[in-house]
Amino acid sequence: MIVAAEYSFKKGKKIISARWADLLAEIEEVICSVDSERHKTKASREKTMPGHMLYSPIALNRTIAAAFEARGWRKQKVECDYPRNFYRDGYDAKNLRSGAFREMDFLKRRLGIEVQFGKYAFMVYNVCAKMTIFNRLGFIDAGVEIVPVKSFADEMSTGVSYFEQFVWDLEHRGESNIDIPVLIYGIDR
């Protein structure tokens, strides 16, 4: 695969290049090490493209994860202790799930990475919520979000979001004082 595009959110490229140039090179090595054609294994059952062979996001994620883990990147899991004090008197919160958690895909030296081949909402959540939370919890100072460009996403299941849409929304949303520096990579096969 290749890095086909990049977007610097809140000076992400400048800050990450200055502080983690070696890790940025490592991230690009991981991306370039993946032979995407080996993961074009999913036969579509969708009405719009029956029988077409598609790239498998699950297989791509597994291969990318193995490559990051081989280079010493680790997952970071945080348990969620949901507050109960917001329920109204008399409401029994018996269905409140215990064991809930949030997880950063990869972390090394306070740089977090999220790889997203899913729905659009997850991309926005990763950059505008999850990375901010992990920053406030003291795990990361900046992040890298890895997403497909549109031409790559078009060869995955319907609903996989893409770099161009994500950047458009971030540009129109703007930056907030709680946002952290993030470099967004748009990858292609």
N, C-alpha and C. Protein backbone atom coordinates (compact mmCIF):
# COMPACT_ATOMS: atom_id res chain seq x y z
N MET A 1 0.84 -1.17 0.00
CA MET A 1 0.00 0.00 0.00
C MET A 1 0.89 1.24 0.00
N ILE A 2 0.28 2.37 -0.26
CA ILE A 2 1.01 3.64 -0.28
C ILE A 2 0.26 4.69 0.54
N VAL A 3 1.00 5.70 0.97
CA VAL A 3 0.37 6.89 1.53
C VAL A 3 0.12 7.80 0.33
N ALA A 4 -1.15 7.97 0.00
CA ALA A 4 -1.54 8.74 -1.18
C ALA A 4 -1.85 10.20 -0.85
N ALA A 5 -2.20 10.47 0.41
CA ALA A 5 -2.60 11.82 0.81
C ALA A 5 -2.33 12.01 2.29
N GLU A 6 -2.22 13.27 2.68
CA GLU A 6 -2.07 13.56 4.11
C GLU A 6 -2.73 14.90 4.43
N TYR A 7 -3.24 14.96 5.65
CA TYR A 7 -3.89 16.18 6.11
C TYR A 7 -3.39 16.46 7.53
N SER A 8 -2.96 17.66 7.75
CA SER A 8 -2.44 18.06 9.04
C SER A 8 -3.52 18.79 9.82
N PHE A 9 -3.99 18.18 10.90
CA PHE A 9 -5.01 18.76 11.75
C PHE A 9 -4.33 19.31 13.00
N LYS A 10 -4.55 20.57 13.27
CA LYS A 10 -3.96 21.27 14.42
C LYS A 10 -2.43 21.15 14.42
N LYS A 11 -1.84 21.41 13.26
CA LYS A 11 -0.38 21.38 13.06
C LYS A 11 0.21 19.99 13.30
N GLY A 12 -0.60 18.95 13.05
CA GLY A 12 -0.17 17.58 13.30
C GLY A 12 1.12 17.21 12.58
N LYS A 13 1.21 17.51 11.30
CA LYS A 13 2.41 17.11 10.55
C LYS A 13 3.65 17.79 11.11
N LYS A 14 3.57 19.08 11.34
CA LYS A 14 4.73 19.84 11.84
C LYS A 14 5.19 19.30 13.19
N ILE A 15 4.27 19.10 14.08
CA ILE A 15 4.60 18.67 15.44
C ILE A 15 5.10 17.23 15.45
N ILE A 16 4.41 16.35 14.74
CA ILE A 16 4.81 14.95 14.73
C ILE A 16 6.15 14.77 14.01
N SER A 17 6.35 15.48 12.91
CA SER A 17 7.62 15.39 12.18
C SER A 17 8.79 15.87 13.03
N ALA A 18 8.56 16.89 13.84
CA ALA A 18 9.63 17.43 14.68
C ALA A 18 9.96 16.51 15.86
N ARG A 19 8.94 15.93 16.47
CA ARG A 19 9.15 15.17 17.70
C ARG A 19 9.31 13.66 17.47
N TRP A 20 8.65 13.14 16.44
CA TRP A 20 8.63 11.70 16.22
C TRP A 20 8.98 11.34 14.77
N ALA A 21 9.97 11.96 14.19
CA ALA A 21 10.32 11.70 12.78
C ALA A 21 10.60 10.21 12.56
N ASP A 22 11.28 9.58 13.52
CA ASP A 22 11.58 8.15 13.38
C ASP A 22 10.32 7.30 13.41
N LEU A 23 9.36 7.68 14.25
CA LEU A 23 8.11 6.91 14.31
C LEU A 23 7.26 7.15 13.07
N LEU A 24 7.31 8.35 12.55
CA LEU A 24 6.58 8.65 11.32
C LEU A 24 7.14 7.79 10.17
N ALA A 25 8.45 7.65 10.11
CA ALA A 25 9.06 6.79 9.10
C ALA A 25 8.64 5.34 9.31
N GLU A 26 8.55 4.93 10.56
CA GLU A 26 8.12 3.57 10.89
C GLU A 26 6.67 3.33 10.45
N ILE A 27 5.81 4.31 10.67
CA ILE A 27 4.41 4.21 10.27
C ILE A 27 4.31 4.03 8.75
N GLU A 28 5.07 4.83 8.03
CA GLU A 28 5.04 4.71 6.57
C GLU A 28 5.62 3.38 6.11
N GLU A 29 6.64 2.87 6.81
CA GLU A 29 7.17 1.53 6.50
C GLU A 29 6.09 0.47 6.65
N VAL A 30 5.34 0.56 7.73
CA VAL A 30 4.27 -0.42 7.97
C VAL A 30 3.26 -0.37 6.83
N ILE A 31 2.81 0.83 6.48
CA ILE A 31 1.82 0.97 5.41
C ILE A 31 2.37 0.38 4.11
N CYS A 32 3.60 0.73 3.76
CA CYS A 32 4.20 0.27 2.51
C CYS A 32 4.52 -1.23 2.51
N SER A 33 4.58 -1.84 3.68
CA SER A 33 4.89 -3.26 3.77
C SER A 33 3.67 -4.15 3.48
N VAL A 34 2.49 -3.57 3.46
CA VAL A 34 1.27 -4.36 3.28
C VAL A 34 0.96 -4.53 1.80
N ASP A 35 0.85 -5.78 1.38
CA ASP A 35 0.45 -6.11 0.02
C ASP A 35 -1.07 -6.23 0.01
N SER A 36 -1.72 -5.14 -0.36
CA SER A 36 -3.19 -5.10 -0.29
C SER A 36 -3.85 -6.15 -1.17
N GLU A 37 -3.22 -6.52 -2.28
CA GLU A 37 -3.83 -7.49 -3.20
C GLU A 37 -4.05 -8.84 -2.52
N ARG A 38 -3.26 -9.16 -1.52
CA ARG A 38 -3.44 -10.41 -0.78
C ARG A 38 -4.72 -10.38 0.06
N HIS A 39 -5.29 -9.19 0.20
CA HIS A 39 -6.48 -9.03 1.05
C HIS A 39 -7.74 -8.71 0.24
N LYS A 40 -7.68 -8.93 -1.03
CA LYS A 40 -8.87 -8.77 -1.88
C LYS A 40 -9.56 -10.13 -1.92
N THR A 41 -10.17 -10.45 -0.78
CA THR A 41 -10.67 -11.81 -0.54
C THR A 41 -12.15 -11.89 -0.20
N LYS A 42 -12.80 -10.76 -0.16
CA LYS A 42 -14.19 -10.73 0.28
C LYS A 42 -15.13 -10.69 -0.92
N ALA A 43 -15.92 -11.75 -1.09
CA ALA A 43 -16.90 -11.78 -2.18
C ALA A 43 -18.13 -10.98 -1.75
N SER A 44 -18.46 -9.98 -2.52
CA SER A 44 -19.58 -9.10 -2.17
C SER A 44 -20.92 -9.82 -2.28
N ARG A 45 -21.78 -9.58 -1.30
CA ARG A 45 -23.16 -10.05 -1.32
C ARG A 45 -24.12 -8.87 -1.41
N GLU A 46 -23.55 -7.70 -1.72
CA GLU A 46 -24.36 -6.49 -1.78
C GLU A 46 -25.06 -6.39 -3.13
N LYS A 47 -26.25 -5.81 -3.12
CA LYS A 47 -27.05 -5.69 -4.35
C LYS A 47 -26.34 -4.89 -5.43
N THR A 48 -25.57 -3.90 -5.01
CA THR A 48 -24.93 -3.01 -5.99
C THR A 48 -23.70 -3.63 -6.66
N MET A 49 -23.14 -4.67 -6.07
CA MET A 49 -21.95 -5.30 -6.66
C MET A 49 -21.85 -6.78 -6.32
N PRO A 50 -22.88 -7.56 -6.67
CA PRO A 50 -22.87 -8.98 -6.32
C PRO A 50 -21.72 -9.74 -6.98
N GLY A 51 -21.02 -10.54 -6.17
CA GLY A 51 -19.94 -11.36 -6.68
C GLY A 51 -18.61 -10.67 -6.87
N HIS A 52 -18.57 -9.34 -6.81
CA HIS A 52 -17.29 -8.63 -6.97
C HIS A 52 -16.37 -8.98 -5.80
N MET A 53 -15.10 -9.12 -6.10
CA MET A 53 -14.12 -9.34 -5.04
C MET A 53 -13.73 -7.98 -4.47
N LEU A 54 -13.81 -7.89 -3.16
CA LEU A 54 -13.52 -6.64 -2.45
C LEU A 54 -12.36 -6.82 -1.50
N TYR A 55 -11.75 -5.70 -1.12
CA TYR A 55 -10.72 -5.75 -0.09
C TYR A 55 -11.38 -5.98 1.26
N SER A 56 -10.80 -6.83 2.05
CA SER A 56 -11.33 -7.15 3.37
C SER A 56 -10.72 -6.23 4.42
N PRO A 57 -11.53 -5.32 4.99
CA PRO A 57 -11.01 -4.45 6.05
C PRO A 57 -10.48 -5.24 7.25
N ILE A 58 -11.13 -6.35 7.56
CA ILE A 58 -10.68 -7.15 8.70
C ILE A 58 -9.29 -7.72 8.44
N ALA A 59 -9.08 -8.28 7.25
CA ALA A 59 -7.77 -8.84 6.91
C ALA A 59 -6.70 -7.74 6.84
N LEU A 60 -7.05 -6.59 6.28
CA LEU A 60 -6.09 -5.48 6.22
C LEU A 60 -5.71 -5.03 7.63
N ASN A 61 -6.70 -4.90 8.50
CA ASN A 61 -6.44 -4.49 9.88
C ASN A 61 -5.52 -5.48 10.59
N ARG A 62 -5.76 -6.78 10.41
CA ARG A 62 -4.93 -7.80 11.06
C ARG A 62 -3.47 -7.69 10.60
N THR A 63 -3.27 -7.52 9.31
CA THR A 63 -1.91 -7.43 8.78
C THR A 63 -1.21 -6.17 9.26
N ILE A 64 -1.91 -5.07 9.25
CA ILE A 64 -1.35 -3.81 9.74
C ILE A 64 -1.02 -3.93 11.22
N ALA A 65 -1.92 -4.52 12.00
CA ALA A 65 -1.69 -4.70 13.44
C ALA A 65 -0.45 -5.54 13.70
N ALA A 66 -0.31 -6.62 12.97
CA ALA A 66 0.87 -7.48 13.16
C ALA A 66 2.16 -6.72 12.86
N ALA A 67 2.14 -5.89 11.83
CA ALA A 67 3.33 -5.13 11.46
C ALA A 67 3.67 -4.08 12.53
N PHE A 68 2.67 -3.42 13.09
CA PHE A 68 2.94 -2.45 14.15
C PHE A 68 3.43 -3.16 15.41
N GLU A 69 2.78 -4.25 15.78
CA GLU A 69 3.18 -4.98 16.98
C GLU A 69 4.61 -5.51 16.86
N ALA A 70 5.00 -5.95 15.67
CA ALA A 70 6.37 -6.44 15.44
C ALA A 70 7.40 -5.32 15.65
N ARG A 71 6.96 -4.07 15.54
CA ARG A 71 7.87 -2.93 15.72
C ARG A 71 7.73 -2.31 17.11
N GLY A 72 7.07 -3.00 18.01
CA GLY A 72 6.99 -2.55 19.40
C GLY A 72 5.85 -1.62 19.75
N TRP A 73 4.92 -1.41 18.83
CA TRP A 73 3.74 -0.61 19.14
C TRP A 73 2.80 -1.49 19.96
N ARG A 74 2.06 -0.88 20.88
CA ARG A 74 1.14 -1.67 21.70
C ARG A 74 -0.24 -1.02 21.75
N LYS A 75 -1.21 -1.83 22.05
CA LYS A 75 -2.56 -1.31 22.25
C LYS A 75 -2.64 -0.69 23.64
N GLN A 76 -3.53 0.27 23.80
CA GLN A 76 -3.74 0.86 25.13
C GLN A 76 -5.22 0.80 25.43
N LYS A 77 -5.56 0.07 26.45
CA LYS A 77 -6.96 -0.11 26.84
C LYS A 77 -7.21 0.63 28.15
N VAL A 78 -8.36 1.31 28.21
CA VAL A 78 -8.77 2.03 29.41
C VAL A 78 -10.17 1.57 29.78
N GLU A 79 -10.33 1.10 31.00
CA GLU A 79 -11.67 0.69 31.45
C GLU A 79 -12.53 1.92 31.70
N CYS A 80 -13.80 1.78 31.39
CA CYS A 80 -14.75 2.87 31.61
C CYS A 80 -15.55 2.58 32.87
N ASP A 81 -15.45 3.47 33.81
CA ASP A 81 -16.25 3.37 35.03
C ASP A 81 -17.39 4.37 34.87
N TYR A 82 -18.51 3.88 34.34
CA TYR A 82 -19.61 4.78 34.04
C TYR A 82 -20.24 5.33 35.31
N PRO A 83 -20.51 6.62 35.34
CA PRO A 83 -21.15 7.22 36.52
C PRO A 83 -22.61 6.80 36.61
N ARG A 84 -23.06 6.65 37.82
CA ARG A 84 -24.45 6.27 38.05
C ARG A 84 -25.27 7.42 38.64
N ASN A 85 -24.61 8.51 38.99
CA ASN A 85 -25.28 9.60 39.68
C ASN A 85 -26.18 10.44 38.79
N PHE A 86 -26.26 10.14 37.49
CA PHE A 86 -27.10 10.93 36.59
C PHE A 86 -28.49 10.32 36.39
N TYR A 87 -28.68 9.13 36.92
CA TYR A 87 -30.00 8.51 36.79
C TYR A 87 -30.97 9.15 37.76
N ARG A 88 -32.21 9.21 37.36
CA ARG A 88 -33.24 9.77 38.23
C ARG A 88 -33.53 8.80 39.37
N ASP A 89 -33.97 9.37 40.49
CA ASP A 89 -34.34 8.54 41.64
C ASP A 89 -35.37 7.51 41.21
N GLY A 90 -35.17 6.30 41.66
CA GLY A 90 -36.10 5.23 41.37
C GLY A 90 -35.76 4.43 40.12
N TYR A 91 -34.85 4.93 39.30
CA TYR A 91 -34.47 4.18 38.10
C TYR A 91 -33.40 3.16 38.47
N ASP A 92 -33.63 1.92 38.08
CA ASP A 92 -32.67 0.86 38.36
C ASP A 92 -31.76 0.70 37.14
N ALA A 93 -30.50 1.00 37.30
CA ALA A 93 -29.54 0.94 36.20
C ALA A 93 -28.94 -0.46 36.08
N LYS A 94 -29.76 -1.47 36.18
CA LYS A 94 -29.28 -2.86 36.19
C LYS A 94 -28.63 -3.26 34.87
N ASN A 95 -29.00 -2.61 33.79
CA ASN A 95 -28.43 -2.98 32.49
C ASN A 95 -27.13 -2.24 32.18
N LEU A 96 -26.67 -1.45 33.13
CA LEU A 96 -25.41 -0.75 32.91
C LEU A 96 -24.29 -1.78 32.86
N ARG A 97 -23.67 -1.84 31.72
CA ARG A 97 -22.66 -2.87 31.45
C ARG A 97 -21.36 -2.57 32.18
N SER A 98 -20.86 -3.56 32.87
CA SER A 98 -19.53 -3.41 33.46
C SER A 98 -18.53 -4.03 32.49
N GLY A 99 -17.30 -3.68 32.64
CA GLY A 99 -16.27 -4.22 31.75
C GLY A 99 -16.14 -3.44 30.45
N ALA A 100 -16.79 -2.30 30.32
CA ALA A 100 -16.67 -1.49 29.11
C ALA A 100 -15.30 -0.83 29.08
N PHE A 101 -14.80 -0.57 27.89
CA PHE A 101 -13.47 0.04 27.76
C PHE A 101 -13.36 0.83 26.48
N ARG A 102 -12.32 1.64 26.40
CA ARG A 102 -11.92 2.33 25.18
C ARG A 102 -10.50 1.83 24.88
N GLU A 103 -10.18 1.76 23.59
CA GLU A 103 -8.87 1.24 23.24
C GLU A 103 -8.26 2.05 22.09
N MET A 104 -7.00 2.40 22.26
CA MET A 104 -6.23 3.04 21.20
C MET A 104 -5.56 1.90 20.44
N ASP A 105 -5.66 1.93 19.10
CA ASP A 105 -5.11 0.84 18.29
C ASP A 105 -3.63 0.60 18.58
N PHE A 106 -2.83 1.66 18.53
CA PHE A 106 -1.38 1.52 18.73
C PHE A 106 -0.83 2.75 19.42
N LEU A 107 0.16 2.53 20.26
CA LEU A 107 0.75 3.63 21.00
C LEU A 107 2.24 3.35 21.18
N LYS A 108 3.03 4.39 21.01
CA LYS A 108 4.47 4.28 21.24
C LYS A 108 5.01 5.68 21.54
N ARG A 109 5.70 5.82 22.67
CA ARG A 109 6.31 7.10 23.05
C ARG A 109 5.35 8.28 22.95
N ARG A 110 4.14 8.07 23.42
CA ARG A 110 3.11 9.12 23.53
C ARG A 110 2.55 9.57 22.17
N LEU A 111 2.75 8.74 21.14
CA LEU A 111 2.12 8.97 19.84
C LEU A 111 1.10 7.85 19.64
N GLY A 112 -0.14 8.22 19.41
CA GLY A 112 -1.21 7.24 19.22
C GLY A 112 -1.56 7.07 17.75
N ILE A 113 -1.97 5.87 17.39
CA ILE A 113 -2.38 5.58 16.02
C ILE A 113 -3.74 4.90 16.04
N GLU A 114 -4.60 5.33 15.14
CA GLU A 114 -5.87 4.65 14.87
C GLU A 114 -5.91 4.31 13.40
N VAL A 115 -6.27 3.07 13.08
CA VAL A 115 -6.46 2.62 11.70
C VAL A 115 -7.95 2.40 11.53
N GLN A 116 -8.54 3.05 10.53
CA GLN A 116 -10.00 2.99 10.40
C GLN A 116 -10.44 2.65 8.99
N PHE A 117 -11.03 1.47 8.84
CA PHE A 117 -11.64 1.05 7.59
C PHE A 117 -13.14 0.86 7.82
N GLY A 118 -13.71 1.67 8.67
CA GLY A 118 -15.11 1.50 9.03
C GLY A 118 -15.98 2.67 8.61
N LYS A 119 -17.06 2.79 9.32
CA LYS A 119 -18.03 3.84 9.04
C LYS A 119 -17.45 5.22 9.36
N TYR A 120 -18.00 6.20 8.72
CA TYR A 120 -17.54 7.57 8.84
C TYR A 120 -17.50 8.05 10.28
N ALA A 121 -18.53 7.74 11.05
CA ALA A 121 -18.61 8.24 12.42
C ALA A 121 -17.40 7.83 13.25
N PHE A 122 -16.81 6.69 12.96
CA PHE A 122 -15.65 6.24 13.73
C PHE A 122 -14.42 7.10 13.45
N MET A 123 -14.27 7.58 12.23
CA MET A 123 -13.14 8.45 11.91
C MET A 123 -13.23 9.73 12.73
N VAL A 124 -14.39 10.33 12.71
CA VAL A 124 -14.60 11.57 13.45
C VAL A 124 -14.42 11.33 14.94
N TYR A 125 -14.99 10.23 15.43
CA TYR A 125 -14.85 9.89 16.86
C TYR A 125 -13.38 9.75 17.24
N ASN A 126 -12.61 9.05 16.41
CA ASN A 126 -11.20 8.83 16.73
C ASN A 126 -10.45 10.13 16.94
N VAL A 127 -10.60 11.07 16.02
CA VAL A 127 -9.82 12.31 16.07
C VAL A 127 -10.43 13.32 17.03
N CYS A 128 -11.74 13.45 17.04
CA CYS A 128 -12.39 14.52 17.82
C CYS A 128 -12.81 14.10 19.22
N ALA A 129 -12.73 12.82 19.54
CA ALA A 129 -13.10 12.39 20.89
C ALA A 129 -12.04 11.45 21.48
N LYS A 130 -11.83 10.29 20.86
CA LYS A 130 -10.94 9.29 21.46
C LYS A 130 -9.52 9.82 21.69
N MET A 131 -8.94 10.46 20.68
CA MET A 131 -7.57 10.95 20.86
C MET A 131 -7.50 12.04 21.92
N THR A 132 -8.53 12.85 22.01
CA THR A 132 -8.59 13.88 23.05
C THR A 132 -8.68 13.23 24.43
N ILE A 133 -9.50 12.19 24.54
CA ILE A 133 -9.65 11.47 25.82
C ILE A 133 -8.31 10.85 26.23
N PHE A 134 -7.65 10.16 25.30
CA PHE A 134 -6.38 9.52 25.63
C PHE A 134 -5.30 10.56 25.95
N ASN A 135 -5.40 11.73 25.37
CA ASN A 135 -4.50 12.82 25.72
C ASN A 135 -4.77 13.29 27.15
N ARG A 136 -6.03 13.50 27.46
CA ARG A 136 -6.39 13.99 28.80
C ARG A 136 -6.07 12.96 29.89
N LEU A 137 -6.08 11.67 29.50
CA LEU A 137 -5.72 10.62 30.46
C LEU A 137 -4.21 10.43 30.58
N GLY A 138 -3.44 11.18 29.77
CA GLY A 138 -1.98 11.17 29.88
C GLY A 138 -1.26 10.11 29.06
N PHE A 139 -1.92 9.53 28.06
CA PHE A 139 -1.29 8.48 27.27
C PHE A 139 -0.63 9.00 25.99
N ILE A 140 -1.22 10.00 25.35
CA ILE A 140 -0.69 10.49 24.07
C ILE A 140 -0.61 12.02 24.06
N ASP A 141 0.28 12.52 23.21
CA ASP A 141 0.39 13.97 22.99
C ASP A 141 -0.08 14.35 21.59
N ALA A 142 -0.08 13.38 20.68
CA ALA A 142 -0.50 13.60 19.29
C ALA A 142 -0.94 12.27 18.71
N GLY A 143 -1.54 12.33 17.52
CA GLY A 143 -2.03 11.10 16.92
C GLY A 143 -1.89 11.05 15.41
N VAL A 144 -1.99 9.84 14.89
CA VAL A 144 -2.01 9.60 13.46
C VAL A 144 -3.24 8.74 13.18
N GLU A 145 -4.05 9.19 12.24
CA GLU A 145 -5.25 8.46 11.81
C GLU A 145 -4.97 7.95 10.40
N ILE A 146 -5.13 6.65 10.18
CA ILE A 146 -4.88 6.03 8.88
C ILE A 146 -6.21 5.56 8.31
N VAL A 147 -6.57 6.12 7.14
CA VAL A 147 -7.86 5.83 6.51
C VAL A 147 -7.67 5.64 5.01
N PRO A 148 -8.59 4.94 4.35
CA PRO A 148 -8.46 4.78 2.90
C PRO A 148 -8.88 6.05 2.16
N VAL A 149 -8.27 6.27 0.98
CA VAL A 149 -8.77 7.31 0.09
C VAL A 149 -10.01 6.74 -0.61
N LYS A 150 -10.77 7.60 -1.27
CA LYS A 150 -12.05 7.19 -1.86
C LYS A 150 -11.92 6.03 -2.84
N SER A 151 -10.92 6.06 -3.72
CA SER A 151 -10.80 5.00 -4.71
C SER A 151 -10.55 3.64 -4.06
N PHE A 152 -9.89 3.61 -2.91
CA PHE A 152 -9.65 2.36 -2.18
C PHE A 152 -10.93 1.94 -1.45
N ALA A 153 -11.58 2.90 -0.79
CA ALA A 153 -12.82 2.60 -0.07
C ALA A 153 -13.90 2.09 -1.01
N ASP A 154 -13.90 2.56 -2.25
CA ASP A 154 -14.89 2.11 -3.24
C ASP A 154 -14.76 0.62 -3.55
N GLU A 155 -13.61 0.04 -3.21
CA GLU A 155 -13.41 -1.39 -3.45
C GLU A 155 -13.50 -2.19 -2.17
N MET A 156 -14.21 -1.63 -1.19
CA MET A 156 -14.51 -2.31 0.07
C MET A 156 -16.02 -2.35 0.20
N SER A 157 -16.50 -2.88 1.29
CA SER A 157 -17.95 -2.94 1.52
C SER A 157 -18.56 -1.55 1.48
N THR A 158 -19.83 -1.49 1.11
CA THR A 158 -20.56 -0.23 1.12
C THR A 158 -20.53 0.36 2.52
N GLY A 159 -20.31 1.65 2.61
CA GLY A 159 -20.35 2.32 3.90
C GLY A 159 -18.99 2.61 4.49
N VAL A 160 -17.91 2.08 3.92
CA VAL A 160 -16.58 2.41 4.42
C VAL A 160 -16.30 3.85 4.02
N SER A 161 -15.92 4.62 4.98
CA SER A 161 -15.68 6.03 4.72
C SER A 161 -14.27 6.25 4.17
N TYR A 162 -13.97 7.51 3.86
CA TYR A 162 -12.72 7.77 3.17
C TYR A 162 -12.16 9.15 3.51
N PHE A 163 -10.88 9.27 3.22
CA PHE A 163 -10.07 10.44 3.53
C PHE A 163 -10.70 11.75 3.08
N GLU A 164 -11.12 11.83 1.82
CA GLU A 164 -11.61 13.09 1.26
C GLU A 164 -12.83 13.63 2.02
N GLN A 165 -13.75 12.75 2.36
CA GLN A 165 -14.95 13.14 3.12
C GLN A 165 -14.55 13.60 4.52
N PHE A 166 -13.67 12.87 5.13
CA PHE A 166 -13.21 13.16 6.48
C PHE A 166 -12.54 14.53 6.54
N VAL A 167 -11.63 14.80 5.60
CA VAL A 167 -10.93 16.08 5.57
C VAL A 167 -11.90 17.24 5.33
N TRP A 168 -12.86 17.05 4.44
CA TRP A 168 -13.84 18.10 4.17
C TRP A 168 -14.54 18.50 5.47
N ASP A 169 -14.97 17.50 6.23
CA ASP A 169 -15.67 17.80 7.49
C ASP A 169 -14.76 18.47 8.51
N LEU A 170 -13.53 18.00 8.64
CA LEU A 170 -12.62 18.63 9.59
C LEU A 170 -12.32 20.07 9.20
N GLU A 171 -12.17 20.32 7.90
CA GLU A 171 -11.95 21.69 7.43
C GLU A 171 -13.12 22.59 7.78
N HIS A 172 -14.33 22.08 7.64
CA HIS A 172 -15.51 22.89 7.91
C HIS A 172 -15.88 22.94 9.39
N ARG A 173 -15.44 21.97 10.15
CA ARG A 173 -15.66 21.97 11.60
C ARG A 173 -14.73 22.99 12.25
N GLY A 174 -13.47 23.00 11.80
CA GLY A 174 -12.47 23.85 12.44
C GLY A 174 -11.83 23.14 13.62
N GLU A 175 -10.92 23.85 14.25
CA GLU A 175 -10.20 23.30 15.39
C GLU A 175 -10.74 23.88 16.68
N SER A 176 -10.61 23.09 17.74
CA SER A 176 -11.05 23.51 19.07
C SER A 176 -9.85 23.53 20.00
N ASN A 177 -9.97 24.24 21.09
CA ASN A 177 -8.86 24.30 22.04
C ASN A 177 -8.59 22.95 22.70
N ILE A 178 -9.53 22.02 22.68
CA ILE A 178 -9.28 20.71 23.28
C ILE A 178 -8.72 19.70 22.29
N ASP A 179 -8.74 20.01 20.99
CA ASP A 179 -8.20 19.10 19.98
C ASP A 179 -6.69 18.96 20.16
N ILE A 180 -6.16 17.82 19.72
CA ILE A 180 -4.72 17.60 19.75
C ILE A 180 -4.19 17.52 18.32
N PRO A 181 -2.88 17.67 18.12
CA PRO A 181 -2.31 17.56 16.78
C PRO A 181 -2.49 16.13 16.23
N VAL A 182 -3.01 16.04 15.02
CA VAL A 182 -3.22 14.75 14.38
C VAL A 182 -2.81 14.85 12.92
N LEU A 183 -2.08 13.85 12.46
CA LEU A 183 -1.73 13.72 11.04
C LEU A 183 -2.61 12.61 10.48
N ILE A 184 -3.35 12.93 9.43
CA ILE A 184 -4.26 11.96 8.82
C ILE A 184 -3.64 11.50 7.51
N TYR A 185 -3.44 10.19 7.42
CA TYR A 185 -2.92 9.59 6.20
C TYR A 185 -4.06 8.96 5.41
N GLY A 186 -4.14 9.30 4.13
CA GLY A 186 -5.05 8.62 3.22
C GLY A 186 -4.25 7.59 2.46
N ILE A 187 -4.62 6.32 2.61
CA ILE A 187 -3.83 5.25 1.97
C ILE A 187 -4.58 4.66 0.80
N ASP A 188 -3.80 4.09 -0.11
CA ASP A 188 -4.36 3.43 -1.29
C ASP A 188 -3.64 2.11 -1.50
N ARG A 189 -4.22 1.31 -2.33
CA ARG A 189 -3.69 -0.05 -2.55
C ARG A 189 -2.38 -0.09 -3.26
